[in-house]
Amino acid sequence: MKWLLRRCTVCGRYTLRRDKCPVCGGPVRVPHPPRFSPDDRFLRYKYEMLKRAGIIPP
């Protein structure tokens, strides 16, 4: 299922457009976090990449 709702990263308004915000012209992105599953086969690799990026402490 594709998310329809997008949020502008500049002004914070919600829109259905996929390319840019109709109000300020800023970029838009999906405001929802990605799905999480404890049975994810690649969870170990995702945590390792987050540690290397410095997003989570080692």
Protein backbone atom coordinates (compact mmCIF):
# COMPACT_ATOMS: atom_id res chain seq x y z
CA MET A 1 0.00 0.00 0.00
CA LYS A 2 1.37 3.38 -0.95
CA TRP A 3 0.99 6.30 1.40
CA LEU A 4 -0.95 9.16 -0.16
CA LEU A 5 -0.39 11.84 2.44
CA ARG A 6 2.87 13.82 2.23
CA ARG A 7 4.28 16.57 4.44
CA CYS A 8 6.35 19.55 3.35
CA THR A 9 9.78 19.66 4.98
CA VAL A 10 9.89 23.48 4.83
CA CYS A 11 6.48 24.74 5.98
CA GLY A 12 5.09 21.54 7.55
CA ARG A 13 1.81 21.51 5.64
CA TYR A 14 0.22 18.29 4.43
CA THR A 15 -0.52 17.63 0.76
CA LEU A 16 -1.36 14.85 -1.67
CA ARG A 17 1.18 16.01 -4.24
CA ARG A 18 4.29 13.87 -4.64
CA ASP A 19 6.76 16.31 -6.17
CA LYS A 20 6.64 19.58 -4.19
CA CYS A 21 4.56 21.61 -1.77
CA PRO A 22 1.82 23.63 -3.50
CA VAL A 23 2.17 26.48 -0.97
CA CYS A 24 5.92 27.10 -0.64
CA GLY A 25 7.40 24.80 -3.31
CA GLY A 26 9.52 22.87 -0.80
CA PRO A 27 10.25 19.15 -0.99
CA VAL A 28 7.69 16.72 0.44
CA ARG A 29 8.15 13.37 2.16
CA VAL A 30 6.04 10.66 3.78
CA PRO A 31 5.41 11.68 7.42
CA HIS A 32 4.90 8.12 8.68
CA PRO A 33 7.74 5.99 10.08
CA PRO A 34 8.63 2.78 8.24
CA ARG A 35 6.98 -0.40 9.42
CA PHE A 36 8.78 -2.40 12.07
CA SER A 37 8.70 -6.15 12.45
CA PRO A 38 10.65 -8.08 15.09
CA ASP A 39 10.84 -10.98 12.62
CA ASP A 40 12.74 -8.87 10.07
CA ARG A 41 15.59 -10.92 8.59
CA PHE A 42 17.68 -7.81 7.93
CA LEU A 43 17.16 -6.10 11.30
CA ARG A 44 20.75 -6.82 12.36
CA TYR A 45 22.11 -5.07 9.27
CA LYS A 46 19.80 -2.07 9.70
CA TYR A 47 21.00 -1.56 13.29
CA GLU A 48 24.60 -1.87 12.18
CA MET A 49 24.12 0.85 9.56
CA LEU A 50 22.43 3.13 12.12
CA LYS A 51 25.36 2.62 14.49
CA ARG A 52 27.90 3.44 11.79
CA ALA A 53 25.94 6.56 10.81
CA GLY A 54 25.99 7.72 14.42
CA ILE A 55 22.20 7.82 14.73
CA ILE A 56 22.13 5.35 17.63
CA PRO A 57 24.93 4.89 20.19
CA PRO A 58 27.28 1.94 19.69
